[in-house]
C-alpha atoms as a PDB file:
ATOM      1  CA  UNK A   1      78.897 115.397 103.624  1.00  0.00           C
ATOM      2  CA  UNK A   2      77.207 116.603 100.288  1.00  0.00           C
ATOM      3  CA  UNK A   3      75.294 114.231  97.839  1.00  0.00           C
ATOM      4  CA  UNK A   4      78.078 114.558  95.187  1.00  0.00           C
ATOM      5  CA  UNK A   5      80.814 113.109  97.727  1.00  0.00           C
ATOM      6  CA  UNK A   6      78.256 110.321  98.769  1.00  0.00           C
ATOM      7  CA  UNK A   7      77.588 109.225  95.111  1.00  0.00           C
ATOM      8  CA  UNK A   8      81.189 109.029  94.092  1.00  0.00           C
ATOM      9  CA  UNK A   9      82.257 105.536  92.930  1.00  0.00           C
ATOM     10  CA  UNK A  10      85.748 105.062  94.713  1.00  0.00           C
ATOM     11  CA  UNK A  11      88.258 102.208  93.931  1.00  0.00           C
ATOM     12  CA  UNK A  12      87.449  99.071  95.754  1.00  0.00           C
ATOM     13  CA  UNK A  13      90.306  98.207  98.222  1.00  0.00           C
ATOM     14  CA  UNK A  14      92.792  96.842  97.968  1.00  0.00           C
ATOM     15  CA  UNK A  15      93.750  98.884  95.061  1.00  0.00           C
ATOM     16  CA  UNK A  16      96.965  99.789  93.134  1.00  0.00           C
ATOM     17  CA  UNK A  17      98.191 103.432  92.319  1.00  0.00           C
ATOM     18  CA  UNK A  18     100.756 104.672  89.955  1.00  0.00           C
ATOM     19  CA  UNK A  19     101.838 107.839  88.087  1.00  0.00           C
ATOM     20  CA  UNK A  20     104.443 108.816  85.597  1.00  0.00           C
ATOM     21  CA  UNK A  21     105.572 112.115  86.761  1.00  0.00           C
ATOM     22  CA  UNK A  22     107.785 113.350  84.002  1.00  0.00           C
ATOM     23  CA  UNK A  23     109.962 110.114  83.582  1.00  0.00           C
ATOM     24  CA  UNK A  24     108.139 109.547  80.450  1.00  0.00           C
ATOM     25  CA  UNK A  25     105.859 111.331  78.195  1.00  0.00           C
ATOM     26  CA  UNK A  26     103.482 111.183  74.926  1.00  0.00           C
ATOM     27  CA  UNK A  27     102.887 107.645  73.489  1.00  0.00           C
ATOM     28  CA  UNK A  28     105.208 106.143  76.348  1.00  0.00           C
ATOM     29  CA  UNK A  29     102.658 107.331  79.017  1.00  0.00           C
ATOM     30  CA  UNK A  30      99.757 105.895  76.842  1.00  0.00           C
ATOM     31  CA  UNK A  31     101.532 102.579  76.450  1.00  0.00           C
ATOM     32  CA  UNK A  32     102.340 102.440  80.311  1.00  0.00           C
ATOM     33  CA  UNK A  33      98.454 103.380  81.086  1.00  0.00           C
ATOM     34  CA  UNK A  34      97.403 100.372  78.852  1.00  0.00           C
ATOM     35  CA  UNK A  35      99.670  98.080  80.709  1.00  0.00           C
ATOM     36  CA  UNK A  36      98.272  99.255  84.023  1.00  0.00           C
ATOM     37  CA  UNK A  37      94.776  98.685  82.597  1.00  0.00           C
ATOM     38  CA  UNK A  38      95.608  95.149  81.368  1.00  0.00           C
ATOM     39  CA  UNK A  39      97.047  94.263  84.601  1.00  0.00           C
ATOM     40  CA  UNK A  40      93.935  95.648  86.542  1.00  0.00           C
ATOM     41  CA  UNK A  41      91.914  93.443  84.370  1.00  0.00           C
ATOM     42  CA  UNK A  42      94.136  90.227  84.614  1.00  0.00           C
ATOM     43  CA  UNK A  43      94.232  90.423  88.466  1.00  0.00           C
ATOM     44  CA  UNK A  44      90.572  91.913  88.826  1.00  0.00           C
ATOM     45  CA  UNK A  45      91.630  94.854  90.960  1.00  0.00           C
ATOM     46  CA  UNK A  46      91.015  98.646  90.614  1.00  0.00           C
ATOM     47  CA  UNK A  47      94.000 100.935  89.840  1.00  0.00           C
ATOM     48  CA  UNK A  48      94.318 104.716  89.991  1.00  0.00           C
ATOM     49  CA  UNK A  49      96.459 106.173  87.176  1.00  0.00           C
ATOM     50  CA  UNK A  50      97.741 109.799  87.627  1.00  0.00           C
ATOM     51  CA  UNK A  51      98.159 111.128  84.333  1.00  0.00           C
ATOM     52  CA  UNK A  52      99.676 114.163  82.639  1.00  0.00           C
ATOM     53  CA  UNK A  53      96.920 116.569  81.698  1.00  0.00           C
ATOM     54  CA  UNK A  54      97.722 116.126  78.022  1.00  0.00           C
ATOM     55  CA  UNK A  55      97.121 112.443  78.123  1.00  0.00           C
ATOM     56  CA  UNK A  56      93.988 112.213  80.188  1.00  0.00           C
ATOM     57  CA  UNK A  57      91.403 111.951  77.601  1.00  0.00           C
ATOM     58  CA  UNK A  58      93.324 109.528  75.091  1.00  0.00           C
ATOM     59  CA  UNK A  59      93.815 107.191  78.223  1.00  0.00           C
ATOM     60  CA  UNK A  60      90.351 107.394  79.368  1.00  0.00           C
ATOM     61  CA  UNK A  61      89.043 106.466  75.786  1.00  0.00           C
ATOM     62  CA  UNK A  62      91.218 103.397  75.572  1.00  0.00           C
ATOM     63  CA  UNK A  63      90.993 101.890  79.078  1.00  0.00           C
ATOM     64  CA  UNK A  64      88.411 100.035  80.894  1.00  0.00           C
ATOM     65  CA  UNK A  65      89.538  99.455  84.613  1.00  0.00           C
ATOM     66  CA  UNK A  66      91.609 102.395  85.866  1.00  0.00           C
ATOM     67  CA  UNK A  67      90.671 105.577  87.360  1.00  0.00           C
ATOM     68  CA  UNK A  68      92.428 108.275  85.560  1.00  0.00           C
ATOM     69  CA  UNK A  69      93.341 111.128  87.766  1.00  0.00           C
ATOM     70  CA  UNK A  70      94.719 114.577  87.299  1.00  0.00           C
ATOM     71  CA  UNK A  71      97.856 115.673  89.209  1.00  0.00           C
ATOM     72  CA  UNK A  72      96.562 118.884  90.398  1.00  0.00           C
ATOM     73  CA  UNK A  73      93.719 121.341  89.739  1.00  0.00           C
ATOM     74  CA  UNK A  74      92.957 125.035  90.545  1.00  0.00           C
ATOM     75  CA  UNK A  75      89.745 126.184  91.912  1.00  0.00           C
ATOM     76  CA  UNK A  76      88.604 128.933  89.421  1.00  0.00           C
ATOM     77  CA  UNK A  77      85.397 128.852  87.536  1.00  0.00           C
ATOM     78  CA  UNK A  78      84.696 128.891  83.789  1.00  0.00           C
ATOM     79  CA  UNK A  79      85.971 132.313  82.485  1.00  0.00           C
ATOM     80  CA  UNK A  80      89.406 134.136  82.864  1.00  0.00           C
ATOM     81  CA  UNK A  81      92.508 132.241  84.055  1.00  0.00           C
ATOM     82  CA  UNK A  82      94.227 131.153  80.799  1.00  0.00           C
ATOM     83  CA  UNK A  83      97.063 129.260  82.426  1.00  0.00           C
ATOM     84  CA  UNK A  84      95.116 127.810  85.448  1.00  0.00           C
ATOM     85  CA  UNK A  85      93.718 124.139  85.455  1.00  0.00           C
ATOM     86  CA  UNK A  86      90.029 124.341  85.275  1.00  0.00           C
ATOM     87  CA  UNK A  87      88.139 121.652  87.264  1.00  0.00           C
ATOM     88  CA  UNK A  88      85.399 121.345  84.610  1.00  0.00           C
ATOM     89  CA  UNK A  89      87.881 120.656  82.090  1.00  0.00           C
ATOM     90  CA  UNK A  90      89.439 118.037  83.852  1.00  0.00           C
ATOM     91  CA  UNK A  91      85.991 116.327  84.358  1.00  0.00           C
ATOM     92  CA  UNK A  92      85.128 116.967  80.687  1.00  0.00           C
ATOM     93  CA  UNK A  93      88.330 115.062  79.562  1.00  0.00           C
ATOM     94  CA  UNK A  94      87.157 112.003  81.429  1.00  0.00           C
ATOM     95  CA  UNK A  95      89.251 112.251  84.768  1.00  0.00           C
ATOM     96  CA  UNK A  96      87.406 110.689  87.743  1.00  0.00           C
ATOM     97  CA  UNK A  97      89.600 112.345  90.602  1.00  0.00           C
ATOM     98  CA  UNK A  98      92.540 114.589  91.262  1.00  0.00           C
ATOM     99  CA  UNK A  99      95.745 114.386  93.322  1.00  0.00           C
ATOM    100  CA  UNK A 100      96.641 117.191  95.752  1.00  0.00           C
ATOM    101  CA  UNK A 101      99.566 118.505  97.592  1.00  0.00           C
ATOM    102  CA  UNK A 102     102.093 116.310  96.224  1.00  0.00           C
ATOM    103  CA  UNK A 103     105.527 117.307  97.366  1.00  0.00           C
ATOM    104  CA  UNK A 104     106.436 118.492  93.820  1.00  0.00           C
ATOM    105  CA  UNK A 105     103.114 120.679  93.826  1.00  0.00           C
ATOM    106  CA  UNK A 106     102.739 121.598  97.549  1.00  0.00           C
ATOM    107  CA  UNK A 107      99.585 123.379  98.665  1.00  0.00           C
ATOM    108  CA  UNK A 108      98.433 125.423 101.967  1.00  0.00           C
ATOM    109  CA  UNK A 109      96.097 123.965 104.112  1.00  0.00           C
ATOM    110  CA  UNK A 110      93.391 126.558 102.876  1.00  0.00           C
ATOM    111  CA  UNK A 111      94.057 125.765  99.235  1.00  0.00           C
ATOM    112  CA  UNK A 112      93.679 122.021 100.115  1.00  0.00           C
ATOM    113  CA  UNK A 113      90.354 122.573 101.680  1.00  0.00           C
ATOM    114  CA  UNK A 114      89.156 124.702  98.908  1.00  0.00           C
ATOM    115  CA  UNK A 115      90.182 122.262  96.302  1.00  0.00           C
ATOM    116  CA  UNK A 116      88.452 119.316  98.084  1.00  0.00           C
ATOM    117  CA  UNK A 117      85.344 121.436  98.409  1.00  0.00           C
ATOM    118  CA  UNK A 118      85.468 122.421  94.618  1.00  0.00           C
ATOM    119  CA  UNK A 119      86.266 118.763  93.545  1.00  0.00           C
ATOM    120  CA  UNK A 120      83.233 117.621  95.626  1.00  0.00           C
ATOM    121  CA  UNK A 121      81.005 120.055  93.638  1.00  0.00           C
ATOM    122  CA  UNK A 122      81.970 118.185  90.407  1.00  0.00           C
ATOM    123  CA  UNK A 123      82.012 114.494  92.018  1.00  0.00           C
ATOM    124  CA  UNK A 124      85.748 114.260  91.464  1.00  0.00           C
ATOM    125  CA  UNK A 125      87.539 111.768  93.876  1.00  0.00           C
ATOM    126  CA  UNK A 126      90.160 113.616  95.884  1.00  0.00           C
ATOM    127  CA  UNK A 127      93.582 111.968  96.476  1.00  0.00           C
ATOM    128  CA  UNK A 128      95.405 113.999  99.141  1.00  0.00           C
ATOM    129  CA  UNK A 129      99.213 113.545  99.976  1.00  0.00           C
ATOM    130  CA  UNK A 130     100.495 114.334 103.528  1.00  0.00           C
ATOM    131  CA  UNK A 131     104.249 114.504 104.719  1.00  0.00           C
ATOM    132  CA  UNK A 132     103.830 113.780 108.207  1.00  0.00           C
ATOM    133  CA  UNK A 133     101.664 112.526 111.246  1.00  0.00           C
ATOM    134  CA  UNK A 134     100.285 116.226 111.837  1.00  0.00           C
ATOM    135  CA  UNK A 135      99.888 117.049 108.186  1.00  0.00           C
ATOM    136  CA  UNK A 136      97.923 113.776 107.921  1.00  0.00           C
ATOM    137  CA  UNK A 137      95.895 114.741 110.853  1.00  0.00           C
ATOM    138  CA  UNK A 138      95.112 118.021 109.637  1.00  0.00           C
ATOM    139  CA  UNK A 139      94.223 117.169 106.116  1.00  0.00           C
ATOM    140  CA  UNK A 140      92.040 114.335 107.422  1.00  0.00           C
ATOM    141  CA  UNK A 141      89.840 117.001 108.876  1.00  0.00           C
ATOM    142  CA  UNK A 142      88.882 118.115 105.406  1.00  0.00           C
ATOM    143  CA  UNK A 143      87.599 114.524 104.488  1.00  0.00           C
ATOM    144  CA  UNK A 144      89.344 113.969 101.148  1.00  0.00           C
ATOM    145  CA  UNK A 145      88.427 110.556  99.840  1.00  0.00           C
ATOM    146  CA  UNK A 146      91.928 109.102  99.795  1.00  0.00           C
ATOM    147  CA  UNK A 147      95.100 110.000 101.916  1.00  0.00           C
ATOM    148  CA  UNK A 148      98.545 108.997 101.088  1.00  0.00           C
ATOM    149  CA  UNK A 149     100.683 109.704 104.065  1.00  0.00           C
ATOM    150  CA  UNK A 150     104.115 109.697 102.470  1.00  0.00           C
ATOM    151  CA  UNK A 151     106.969 111.566 104.018  1.00  0.00           C
ATOM    152  CA  UNK A 152     108.453 113.911 101.416  1.00  0.00           C
ATOM    153  CA  UNK A 153     112.136 112.697 102.105  1.00  0.00           C
ATOM    154  CA  UNK A 154     111.191 109.204 100.887  1.00  0.00           C
ATOM    155  CA  UNK A 155     109.527 110.080  97.653  1.00  0.00           C
ATOM    156  CA  UNK A 156     111.569 109.154  94.477  1.00  0.00           C
ATOM    157  CA  UNK A 157     113.954 107.029  96.687  1.00  0.00           C
ATOM    158  CA  UNK A 158     114.284 103.289  97.299  1.00  0.00           C
ATOM    159  CA  UNK A 159     113.529 103.588 100.931  1.00  0.00           C
ATOM    160  CA  UNK A 160     109.964 103.001 102.030  1.00  0.00           C
ATOM    161  CA  UNK A 161     108.126 104.031 105.065  1.00  0.00           C
ATOM    162  CA  UNK A 162     108.748 101.888 108.239  1.00  0.00           C
ATOM    163  CA  UNK A 163     106.013  99.589 109.265  1.00  0.00           C
ATOM    164  CA  UNK A 164     105.633 101.843 112.586  1.00  0.00           C
ATOM    165  CA  UNK A 165     104.822 104.847 110.637  1.00  0.00           C
ATOM    166  CA  UNK A 166     102.572 102.822 108.392  1.00  0.00           C
ATOM    167  CA  UNK A 167     100.426 101.608 111.145  1.00  0.00           C
ATOM    168  CA  UNK A 168     100.425 104.841 113.087  1.00  0.00           C
ATOM    169  CA  UNK A 169      99.204 106.933 110.214  1.00  0.00           C
ATOM    170  CA  UNK A 170      96.597 104.293 109.238  1.00  0.00           C
ATOM    171  CA  UNK A 171      95.319 104.217 112.685  1.00  0.00           C
ATOM    172  CA  UNK A 172      95.377 108.005 112.782  1.00  0.00           C
ATOM    173  CA  UNK A 173      93.089 108.367 109.855  1.00  0.00           C
ATOM    174  CA  UNK A 174      90.657 105.549 110.471  1.00  0.00           C
ATOM    175  CA  UNK A 175      90.108 106.666 114.353  1.00  0.00           C
ATOM    176  CA  UNK A 176      89.136 110.054 112.973  1.00  0.00           C
ATOM    177  CA  UNK A 177      87.151 109.106 109.875  1.00  0.00           C
ATOM    178  CA  UNK A 178      86.968 105.252 109.038  1.00  0.00           C
ATOM    179  CA  UNK A 179      85.572 106.079 105.349  1.00  0.00           C
ATOM    180  CA  UNK A 180      88.847 107.845 104.370  1.00  0.00           C
ATOM    181  CA  UNK A 181      90.895 105.407 102.010  1.00  0.00           C
ATOM    182  CA  UNK A 182      94.389 105.201 103.018  1.00  0.00           C
ATOM    183  CA  UNK A 183      97.366 104.526 100.749  1.00  0.00           C
ATOM    184  CA  UNK A 184     101.171 103.975 101.203  1.00  0.00           C
ATOM    185  CA  UNK A 185     103.360 104.682  98.262  1.00  0.00           C
ATOM    186  CA  UNK A 186     106.736 106.505  99.003  1.00  0.00           C
ATOM    187  CA  UNK A 187     109.941 104.647  98.220  1.00  0.00           C
ATOM    188  CA  UNK A 188     108.153 101.341  97.179  1.00  0.00           C
ATOM    189  CA  UNK A 189     110.168  99.267  95.007  1.00  0.00           C
ATOM    190  CA  UNK A 190     109.065  95.672  95.305  1.00  0.00           C
ATOM    191  CA  UNK A 191     105.972  93.536  95.159  1.00  0.00           C
ATOM    192  CA  UNK A 192     106.377  92.368  98.783  1.00  0.00           C
ATOM    193  CA  UNK A 193     106.269  95.935 100.226  1.00  0.00           C
ATOM    194  CA  UNK A 194     102.848  96.296  98.216  1.00  0.00           C
ATOM    195  CA  UNK A 195     101.754  93.038  99.935  1.00  0.00           C
ATOM    196  CA  UNK A 196     103.195  93.808 103.209  1.00  0.00           C
ATOM    197  CA  UNK A 197     101.435  97.416 103.495  1.00  0.00           C
ATOM    198  CA  UNK A 198      97.968  96.163 102.420  1.00  0.00           C
ATOM    199  CA  UNK A 199      98.126  93.302 104.913  1.00  0.00           C
ATOM    200  CA  UNK A 200      98.876  95.800 107.620  1.00  0.00           C
ATOM    201  CA  UNK A 201      95.561  97.130 106.831  1.00  0.00           C
ATOM    202  CA  UNK A 202      95.946  99.907 104.259  1.00  0.00           C
ATOM    203  CA  UNK A 203      93.450  99.962 101.453  1.00  0.00           C
ATOM    204  CA  UNK A 204      95.999 100.542  98.890  1.00  0.00           C
ATOM    205  CA  UNK A 205      99.598 100.668  97.945  1.00  0.00           C
ATOM    206  CA  UNK A 206     101.488 102.101  94.925  1.00  0.00           C
ATOM    207  CA  UNK A 207     104.593 103.257  93.273  1.00  0.00           C
ATOM    208  CA  UNK A 208     105.790 105.555  90.326  1.00  0.00           C
ATOM    209  CA  UNK A 209     109.675 106.176  90.647  1.00  0.00           C
ATOM    210  CA  UNK A 210     110.149 102.697  91.929  1.00  0.00           C
ATOM    211  CA  UNK A 211     108.758 101.245  88.809  1.00  0.00           C
ATOM    212  CA  UNK A 212     109.853 103.713  86.105  1.00  0.00           C
ATOM    213  CA  UNK A 213     113.446 103.700  87.235  1.00  0.00           C
ATOM    214  CA  UNK A 214     113.728  99.913  87.442  1.00  0.00           C
ATOM    215  CA  UNK A 215     115.393  97.879  84.959  1.00  0.00           C
ATOM    216  CA  UNK A 216     112.425  96.286  83.756  1.00  0.00           C
ATOM    217  CA  UNK A 217     109.367  98.554  84.473  1.00  0.00           C
ATOM    218  CA  UNK A 218     106.529  96.396  82.952  1.00  0.00           C
ATOM    219  CA  UNK A 219     107.703  93.242  84.825  1.00  0.00           C
ATOM    220  CA  UNK A 220     107.855  95.117  88.152  1.00  0.00           C
ATOM    221  CA  UNK A 221     104.317  96.784  87.334  1.00  0.00           C
ATOM    222  CA  UNK A 222     102.994  93.200  86.922  1.00  0.00           C
ATOM    223  CA  UNK A 223     104.619  92.033  90.141  1.00  0.00           C
ATOM    224  CA  UNK A 224     103.168  94.756  92.200  1.00  0.00           C
ATOM    225  CA  UNK A 225      99.804  94.439  90.834  1.00  0.00           C
ATOM    226  CA  UNK A 226      99.945  90.767  91.354  1.00  0.00           C
ATOM    227  CA  UNK A 227     100.792  91.229  95.026  1.00  0.00           C
ATOM    228  CA  UNK A 228      97.772  93.530  95.286  1.00  0.00           C
ATOM    229  CA  UNK A 229      95.616  90.459  94.315  1.00  0.00           C
ATOM    230  CA  UNK A 230      97.438  88.124  96.517  1.00  0.00           C
ATOM    231  CA  UNK A 231      96.709  90.383  99.535  1.00  0.00           C
ATOM    232  CA  UNK A 232      93.154  90.761  98.460  1.00  0.00           C
ATOM    233  CA  UNK A 233      92.949  86.732  98.352  1.00  0.00           C
ATOM    234  CA  UNK A 234      94.641  86.400 101.751  1.00  0.00           C
ATOM    235  CA  UNK A 235      92.475  88.911 103.414  1.00  0.00           C
ATOM    236  CA  UNK A 236      89.353  87.275 102.302  1.00  0.00           C
ATOM    237  CA  UNK A 237      90.872  83.830 103.559  1.00  0.00           C
ATOM    238  CA  UNK A 238      91.247  85.384 106.799  1.00  0.00           C
ATOM    239  CA  UNK A 239      87.752  86.785 107.125  1.00  0.00           C
ATOM    240  CA  UNK A 240      86.242  83.377 106.409  1.00  0.00           C
END
């Protein structure tokens, strides 16, 4: 493990994660990011916000408690490559991390490894998605900072992973590399699911489609982040 990876400041578990995909854009993204930041401060928890490239700088400049991630990056270096996403540009815009291998932007194993290595050069946090137990195990070998083992077929639905899968993926990762943070996200639509997944031992839980497709996204956002805080408090009570 190199020094840049060691020196990264990661979100403190349990934490929350959300994104906007392309459900909203422009000022609506900015307002949603501000709401996530307010809730993070209100409940004293960390949160990851995966932002569109176009909004990274504005969000970073107007928030205090959220970790702003890019949704993807390429591995090129400064120079040619007009349509590629330059890692240095992401870092310069203020992003602290990058998401990899989401089902809407899948990557090969060699691409995932190369991108994790490139992100580590710049001290960017890596958040890798995995579709199955086998893919989770394979990606864990590259030691991303965070793994999100969400089955592709559940993403964007109202059906979350069953608790058996949740516990199995968590154990798999932690047995291999205890320092990798594990998050559950696919199909989450309620605060109780957030609470249950964290109480099962996960470092984080999150939602994007579940929030933005709900009748009252801001109320559901607050409910979910409250449940991260509730889980944190209950875990601390258990440890006493």
